[in-house]
Amino acid sequence: MEIPAVQAALGHAGLFEGRDYRGVEVLADIRTIPVTNWIMLAKVDRDEMYSELSTKALIIAGLYGIGTGKFC
């Protein structure tokens, strides 16, 4: 895995999975800001992102099951 901040400094752009300065796995998006030499890097902890998705998936599956009567 790579460090997103290093990738940004090297001029890469786009979505990355890597580890940040804390050693935590993160999802990052690196973009250049037009008409400047600035770079924006946004990141979120991977565990935090996927926990939110798994919670929503469980809710959707439960509502589907209730709606179709498969849990009765």
PDB file of N, CA and C in Angstrom:
ATOM      1  N   MET A   1       0.841  -1.185   0.000  1.00  0.00           N
ATOM      2  CA  MET A   1       0.000   0.000   0.000  1.00  0.00           C
ATOM      3  C   MET A   1       0.879   1.240   0.000  1.00  0.00           C
ATOM      4  N   GLU A   2       0.352   2.278  -0.568  1.00  0.00           N
ATOM      5  CA  GLU A   2       1.119   3.503  -0.703  1.00  0.00           C
ATOM      6  C   GLU A   2       0.541   4.600   0.181  1.00  0.00           C
ATOM      7  N   ILE A   3       1.335   5.610   0.417  1.00  0.00           N
ATOM      8  CA  ILE A   3       0.902   6.754   1.218  1.00  0.00           C
ATOM      9  C   ILE A   3       0.306   7.794   0.274  1.00  0.00           C
ATOM     10  N   PRO A   4      -0.992   8.132   0.412  1.00  0.00           N
ATOM     11  CA  PRO A   4      -1.630   9.073  -0.505  1.00  0.00           C
ATOM     12  C   PRO A   4      -0.933  10.436  -0.585  1.00  0.00           C
ATOM     13  N   ALA A   5      -0.427  10.942   0.526  1.00  0.00           N
ATOM     14  CA  ALA A   5       0.239  12.250   0.496  1.00  0.00           C
ATOM     15  C   ALA A   5       1.493  12.208  -0.374  1.00  0.00           C
ATOM     16  N   VAL A   6       2.205  11.097  -0.351  1.00  0.00           N
ATOM     17  CA  VAL A   6       3.388  10.949  -1.198  1.00  0.00           C
ATOM     18  C   VAL A   6       2.970  10.895  -2.660  1.00  0.00           C
ATOM     19  N   GLN A   7       1.891  10.166  -2.946  1.00  0.00           N
ATOM     20  CA  GLN A   7       1.392  10.098  -4.317  1.00  0.00           C
ATOM     21  C   GLN A   7       0.992  11.482  -4.828  1.00  0.00           C
ATOM     22  N   ALA A   8       0.366  12.274  -3.968  1.00  0.00           N
ATOM     23  CA  ALA A   8      -0.014  13.640  -4.348  1.00  0.00           C
ATOM     24  C   ALA A   8       1.225  14.471  -4.656  1.00  0.00           C
ATOM     25  N   ALA A   9       2.249  14.360  -3.828  1.00  0.00           N
ATOM     26  CA  ALA A   9       3.483  15.118  -4.029  1.00  0.00           C
ATOM     27  C   ALA A   9       4.181  14.700  -5.327  1.00  0.00           C
ATOM     28  N   LEU A  10       4.009  13.449  -5.729  1.00  0.00           N
ATOM     29  CA  LEU A  10       4.612  12.963  -6.969  1.00  0.00           C
ATOM     30  C   LEU A  10       3.796  13.338  -8.197  1.00  0.00           C
ATOM     31  N   GLY A  11       2.636  13.968  -7.987  1.00  0.00           N
ATOM     32  CA  GLY A  11       1.826  14.429  -9.114  1.00  0.00           C
ATOM     33  C   GLY A  11       0.722  13.505  -9.549  1.00  0.00           C
ATOM     34  N   HIS A  12       0.512  12.426  -8.825  1.00  0.00           N
ATOM     35  CA  HIS A  12      -0.574  11.505  -9.174  1.00  0.00           C
ATOM     36  C   HIS A  12      -1.914  12.084  -8.723  1.00  0.00           C
ATOM     37  N   ALA A  13      -2.980  11.705  -9.420  1.00  0.00           N
ATOM     38  CA  ALA A  13      -4.323  12.164  -9.059  1.00  0.00           C
ATOM     39  C   ALA A  13      -5.281  10.990  -9.154  1.00  0.00           C
ATOM     40  N   GLY A  14      -6.405  11.086  -8.459  1.00  0.00           N
ATOM     41  CA  GLY A  14      -7.421  10.046  -8.510  1.00  0.00           C
ATOM     42  C   GLY A  14      -7.650   9.398  -7.161  1.00  0.00           C
ATOM     43  N   LEU A  15      -8.299   8.243  -7.199  1.00  0.00           N
ATOM     44  CA  LEU A  15      -8.638   7.507  -5.982  1.00  0.00           C
ATOM     45  C   LEU A  15      -7.506   6.562  -5.602  1.00  0.00           C
ATOM     46  N   PHE A  16      -7.221   6.495  -4.315  1.00  0.00           N
ATOM     47  CA  PHE A  16      -6.155   5.636  -3.814  1.00  0.00           C
ATOM     48  C   PHE A  16      -6.586   4.956  -2.523  1.00  0.00           C
ATOM     49  N   GLU A  17      -6.099   3.748  -2.350  1.00  0.00           N
ATOM     50  CA  GLU A  17      -6.161   3.078  -1.052  1.00  0.00           C
ATOM     51  C   GLU A  17      -4.734   3.014  -0.548  1.00  0.00           C
ATOM     52  N   GLY A  18      -4.528   3.337   0.696  1.00  0.00           N
ATOM     53  CA  GLY A  18      -3.184   3.298   1.248  1.00  0.00           C
ATOM     54  C   GLY A  18      -3.206   3.499   2.748  1.00  0.00           C
ATOM     55  N   ARG A  19      -2.062   3.831   3.287  1.00  0.00           N
ATOM     56  CA  ARG A  19      -1.946   4.118   4.719  1.00  0.00           C
ATOM     57  C   ARG A  19      -1.532   5.566   4.877  1.00  0.00           C
ATOM     58  N   ASP A  20      -2.104   6.220   5.875  1.00  0.00           N
ATOM     59  CA  ASP A  20      -1.729   7.612   6.113  1.00  0.00           C
ATOM     60  C   ASP A  20      -0.575   7.677   7.104  1.00  0.00           C
ATOM     61  N   TYR A  21      -0.252   8.863   7.549  1.00  0.00           N
ATOM     62  CA  TYR A  21       0.880   9.063   8.450  1.00  0.00           C
ATOM     63  C   TYR A  21       0.704   8.349   9.794  1.00  0.00           C
ATOM     64  N   ARG A  22      -0.552   7.981  10.138  1.00  0.00           N
ATOM     65  CA  ARG A  22      -0.807   7.262  11.394  1.00  0.00           C
ATOM     66  C   ARG A  22      -0.664   5.761  11.239  1.00  0.00           C
ATOM     67  N   GLY A  23      -0.477   5.307   9.986  1.00  0.00           N
ATOM     68  CA  GLY A  23      -0.405   3.881   9.712  1.00  0.00           C
ATOM     69  C   GLY A  23      -1.767   3.239   9.552  1.00  0.00           C
ATOM     70  N   VAL A  24      -2.819   4.059   9.468  1.00  0.00           N
ATOM     71  CA  VAL A  24      -4.191   3.575   9.342  1.00  0.00           C
ATOM     72  C   VAL A  24      -4.542   3.459   7.852  1.00  0.00           C
ATOM     73  N   GLU A  25      -5.220   2.364   7.469  1.00  0.00           N
ATOM     74  CA  GLU A  25      -5.650   2.213   6.085  1.00  0.00           C
ATOM     75  C   GLU A  25      -6.734   3.245   5.779  1.00  0.00           C
ATOM     76  N   VAL A  26      -6.558   3.962   4.654  1.00  0.00           N
ATOM     77  CA  VAL A  26      -7.483   5.030   4.278  1.00  0.00           C
ATOM     78  C   VAL A  26      -7.867   4.906   2.813  1.00  0.00           C
ATOM     79  N   LEU A  27      -8.997   5.519   2.471  1.00  0.00           N
ATOM     80  CA  LEU A  27      -9.403   5.745   1.092  1.00  0.00           C
ATOM     81  C   LEU A  27      -9.199   7.226   0.839  1.00  0.00           C
ATOM     82  N   ALA A  28      -8.523   7.560  -0.255  1.00  0.00           N
ATOM     83  CA  ALA A  28      -8.182   8.955  -0.511  1.00  0.00           C
ATOM     84  C   ALA A  28      -8.509   9.327  -1.949  1.00  0.00           C
ATOM     85  N   ASP A  29      -8.822  10.596  -2.157  1.00  0.00           N
ATOM     86  CA  ASP A  29      -9.030  11.153  -3.490  1.00  0.00           C
ATOM     87  C   ASP A  29      -8.101  12.351  -3.630  1.00  0.00           C
ATOM     88  N   ILE A  30      -7.279  12.338  -4.651  1.00  0.00           N
ATOM     89  CA  ILE A  30      -6.316  13.403  -4.884  1.00  0.00           C
ATOM     90  C   ILE A  30      -6.714  14.139  -6.157  1.00  0.00           C
ATOM     91  N   ARG A  31      -6.851  15.452  -6.057  1.00  0.00           N
ATOM     92  CA  ARG A  31      -7.237  16.282  -7.206  1.00  0.00           C
ATOM     93  C   ARG A  31      -6.372  17.531  -7.272  1.00  0.00           C
ATOM     94  N   THR A  32      -6.100  17.977  -8.481  1.00  0.00           N
ATOM     95  CA  THR A  32      -5.411  19.253  -8.656  1.00  0.00           C
ATOM     96  C   THR A  32      -6.456  20.358  -8.699  1.00  0.00           C
ATOM     97  N   ILE A  33      -6.088  21.531  -8.244  1.00  0.00           N
ATOM     98  CA  ILE A  33      -6.986  22.687  -8.281  1.00  0.00           C
ATOM     99  C   ILE A  33      -6.619  23.505  -9.511  1.00  0.00           C
ATOM    100  N   PRO A  34      -7.567  23.660 -10.457  1.00  0.00           N
ATOM    101  CA  PRO A  34      -7.265  24.353 -11.708  1.00  0.00           C
ATOM    102  C   PRO A  34      -6.715  25.770 -11.487  1.00  0.00           C
ATOM    103  N   VAL A  35      -5.862  26.188 -12.357  1.00  0.00           N
ATOM    104  CA  VAL A  35      -5.249  27.513 -12.408  1.00  0.00           C
ATOM    105  C   VAL A  35      -4.345  27.779 -11.201  1.00  0.00           C
ATOM    106  N   THR A  36      -3.999  26.758 -10.467  1.00  0.00           N
ATOM    107  CA  THR A  36      -3.058  26.890  -9.352  1.00  0.00           C
ATOM    108  C   THR A  36      -2.120  25.685  -9.393  1.00  0.00           C
ATOM    109  N   ASN A  37      -1.123  25.709  -8.582  1.00  0.00           N
ATOM    110  CA  ASN A  37      -0.266  24.531  -8.446  1.00  0.00           C
ATOM    111  C   ASN A  37      -0.600  23.772  -7.155  1.00  0.00           C
ATOM    112  N   TRP A  38      -1.791  23.993  -6.642  1.00  0.00           N
ATOM    113  CA  TRP A  38      -2.244  23.358  -5.412  1.00  0.00           C
ATOM    114  C   TRP A  38      -2.848  21.991  -5.693  1.00  0.00           C
ATOM    115  N   ILE A  39      -2.800  21.150  -4.675  1.00  0.00           N
ATOM    116  CA  ILE A  39      -3.384  19.804  -4.742  1.00  0.00           C
ATOM    117  C   ILE A  39      -4.273  19.618  -3.522  1.00  0.00           C
ATOM    118  N   MET A  40      -5.450  19.043  -3.738  1.00  0.00           N
ATOM    119  CA  MET A  40      -6.352  18.741  -2.622  1.00  0.00           C
ATOM    120  C   MET A  40      -6.385  17.235  -2.421  1.00  0.00           C
ATOM    121  N   LEU A  41      -6.228  16.823  -1.179  1.00  0.00           N
ATOM    122  CA  LEU A  41      -6.273  15.415  -0.818  1.00  0.00           C
ATOM    123  C   LEU A  41      -7.341  15.253   0.259  1.00  0.00           C
ATOM    124  N   ALA A  42      -8.356  14.458  -0.042  1.00  0.00           N
ATOM    125  CA  ALA A  42      -9.403  14.152   0.946  1.00  0.00           C
ATOM    126  C   ALA A  42      -9.302  12.671   1.275  1.00  0.00           C
ATOM    127  N   LYS A  43      -9.397  12.346   2.550  1.00  0.00           N
ATOM    128  CA  LYS A  43      -9.276  10.941   2.930  1.00  0.00           C
ATOM    129  C   LYS A  43     -10.224  10.614   4.070  1.00  0.00           C
ATOM    130  N   VAL A  44     -10.544   9.313   4.157  1.00  0.00           N
ATOM    131  CA  VAL A  44     -11.376   8.811   5.244  1.00  0.00           C
ATOM    132  C   VAL A  44     -10.819   7.440   5.629  1.00  0.00           C
ATOM    133  N   ASP A  45     -10.882   7.128   6.903  1.00  0.00           N
ATOM    134  CA  ASP A  45     -10.422   5.811   7.359  1.00  0.00           C
ATOM    135  C   ASP A  45     -11.249   4.726   6.674  1.00  0.00           C
ATOM    136  N   ARG A  46     -10.578   3.705   6.181  1.00  0.00           N
ATOM    137  CA  ARG A  46     -11.252   2.640   5.447  1.00  0.00           C
ATOM    138  C   ARG A  46     -12.273   1.922   6.323  1.00  0.00           C
ATOM    139  N   ASP A  47     -11.932   1.624   7.561  1.00  0.00           N
ATOM    140  CA  ASP A  47     -12.865   0.940   8.468  1.00  0.00           C
ATOM    141  C   ASP A  47     -14.122   1.771   8.695  1.00  0.00           C
ATOM    142  N   GLU A  48     -13.948   3.080   8.817  1.00  0.00           N
ATOM    143  CA  GLU A  48     -15.092   3.966   9.031  1.00  0.00           C
ATOM    144  C   GLU A  48     -16.020   3.955   7.817  1.00  0.00           C
ATOM    145  N   MET A  49     -15.450   3.990   6.630  1.00  0.00           N
ATOM    146  CA  MET A  49     -16.254   3.994   5.407  1.00  0.00           C
ATOM    147  C   MET A  49     -17.008   2.684   5.244  1.00  0.00           C
ATOM    148  N   TYR A  50     -16.320   1.571   5.422  1.00  0.00           N
ATOM    149  CA  TYR A  50     -16.961   0.284   5.211  1.00  0.00           C
ATOM    150  C   TYR A  50     -17.947  -0.075   6.311  1.00  0.00           C
ATOM    151  N   SER A  51     -17.752   0.422   7.531  1.00  0.00           N
ATOM    152  CA  SER A  51     -18.720   0.143   8.589  1.00  0.00           C
ATOM    153  C   SER A  51     -20.045   0.828   8.283  1.00  0.00           C
ATOM    154  N   GLU A  52     -19.966   2.023   7.731  1.00  0.00           N
ATOM    155  CA  GLU A  52     -21.186   2.747   7.329  1.00  0.00           C
ATOM    156  C   GLU A  52     -21.908   1.980   6.225  1.00  0.00           C
ATOM    157  N   LEU A  53     -21.171   1.475   5.252  1.00  0.00           N
ATOM    158  CA  LEU A  53     -21.784   0.729   4.155  1.00  0.00           C
ATOM    159  C   LEU A  53     -22.407  -0.572   4.639  1.00  0.00           C
ATOM    160  N   SER A  54     -21.739  -1.283   5.534  1.00  0.00           N
ATOM    161  CA  SER A  54     -22.289  -2.553   6.002  1.00  0.00           C
ATOM    162  C   SER A  54     -23.538  -2.333   6.845  1.00  0.00           C
ATOM    163  N   THR A  55     -23.582  -1.250   7.615  1.00  0.00           N
ATOM    164  CA  THR A  55     -24.775  -0.932   8.395  1.00  0.00           C
ATOM    165  C   THR A  55     -25.959  -0.668   7.468  1.00  0.00           C
ATOM    166  N   LYS A  56     -25.730   0.120   6.431  1.00  0.00           N
ATOM    167  CA  LYS A  56     -26.816   0.418   5.478  1.00  0.00           C
ATOM    168  C   LYS A  56     -27.254  -0.837   4.734  1.00  0.00           C
ATOM    169  N   ALA A  57     -26.318  -1.708   4.390  1.00  0.00           N
ATOM    170  CA  ALA A  57     -26.662  -2.949   3.697  1.00  0.00           C
ATOM    171  C   ALA A  57     -27.542  -3.833   4.574  1.00  0.00           C
ATOM    172  N   LEU A  58     -27.249  -3.906   5.867  1.00  0.00           N
ATOM    173  CA  LEU A  58     -28.073  -4.701   6.784  1.00  0.00           C
ATOM    174  C   LEU A  58     -29.480  -4.129   6.911  1.00  0.00           C
ATOM    175  N   ILE A  59     -29.580  -2.816   6.969  1.00  0.00           N
ATOM    176  CA  ILE A  59     -30.896  -2.176   7.062  1.00  0.00           C
ATOM    177  C   ILE A  59     -31.713  -2.460   5.808  1.00  0.00           C
ATOM    178  N   ILE A  60     -31.086  -2.316   4.651  1.00  0.00           N
ATOM    179  CA  ILE A  60     -31.789  -2.556   3.385  1.00  0.00           C
ATOM    180  C   ILE A  60     -32.223  -4.013   3.291  1.00  0.00           C
ATOM    181  N   ALA A  61     -31.344  -4.941   3.655  1.00  0.00           N
ATOM    182  CA  ALA A  61     -31.692  -6.362   3.602  1.00  0.00           C
ATOM    183  C   ALA A  61     -32.844  -6.678   4.557  1.00  0.00           C
ATOM    184  N   GLY A  62     -32.824  -6.078   5.745  1.00  0.00           N
ATOM    185  CA  GLY A  62     -33.900  -6.297   6.707  1.00  0.00           C
ATOM    186  C   GLY A  62     -35.233  -5.764   6.211  1.00  0.00           C
ATOM    187  N   LEU A  63     -35.204  -4.561   5.641  1.00  0.00           N
ATOM    188  CA  LEU A  63     -36.445  -3.986   5.110  1.00  0.00           C
ATOM    189  C   LEU A  63     -36.965  -4.795   3.931  1.00  0.00           C
ATOM    190  N   TYR A  64     -36.071  -5.282   3.103  1.00  0.00           N
ATOM    191  CA  TYR A  64     -36.487  -6.125   1.979  1.00  0.00           C
ATOM    192  C   TYR A  64     -37.130  -7.406   2.496  1.00  0.00           C
ATOM    193  N   GLY A  65     -36.495  -8.012   3.494  1.00  0.00           N
ATOM    194  CA  GLY A  65     -37.028  -9.250   4.053  1.00  0.00           C
ATOM    195  C   GLY A  65     -38.398  -9.057   4.680  1.00  0.00           C
ATOM    196  N   ILE A  66     -38.585  -7.950   5.387  1.00  0.00           N
ATOM    197  CA  ILE A  66     -39.882  -7.651   5.991  1.00  0.00           C
ATOM    198  C   ILE A  66     -40.925  -7.390   4.921  1.00  0.00           C
ATOM    199  N   GLY A  67     -40.545  -6.647   3.891  1.00  0.00           N
ATOM    200  CA  GLY A  67     -41.477  -6.312   2.813  1.00  0.00           C
ATOM    201  C   GLY A  67     -41.919  -7.514   1.997  1.00  0.00           C
ATOM    202  N   THR A  68     -41.039  -8.488   1.845  1.00  0.00           N
ATOM    203  CA  THR A  68     -41.399  -9.664   1.061  1.00  0.00           C
ATOM    204  C   THR A  68     -41.938 -10.798   1.930  1.00  0.00           C
ATOM    205  N   GLY A  69     -41.923 -10.629   3.231  1.00  0.00           N
ATOM    206  CA  GLY A  69     -42.438 -11.637   4.140  1.00  0.00           C
ATOM    207  C   GLY A  69     -41.521 -12.839   4.314  1.00  0.00           C
ATOM    208  N   LYS A  70     -40.252 -12.689   3.957  1.00  0.00           N
ATOM    209  CA  LYS A  70     -39.331 -13.823   4.049  1.00  0.00           C
ATOM    210  C   LYS A  70     -38.875 -14.084   5.473  1.00  0.00           C
ATOM    211  N   PHE A  71     -39.127 -13.150   6.400  1.00  0.00           N
ATOM    212  CA  PHE A  71     -38.717 -13.357   7.786  1.00  0.00           C
ATOM    213  C   PHE A  71     -39.887 -13.829   8.649  1.00  0.00           C
ATOM    214  N   CYS A  72     -41.039 -14.038   8.066  1.00  0.00           N
ATOM    215  CA  CYS A  72     -42.221 -14.460   8.833  1.00  0.00           C
ATOM    216  C   CYS A  72     -42.323 -15.949   8.936  1.00  0.00           C
TER     217      CYS A  72
END
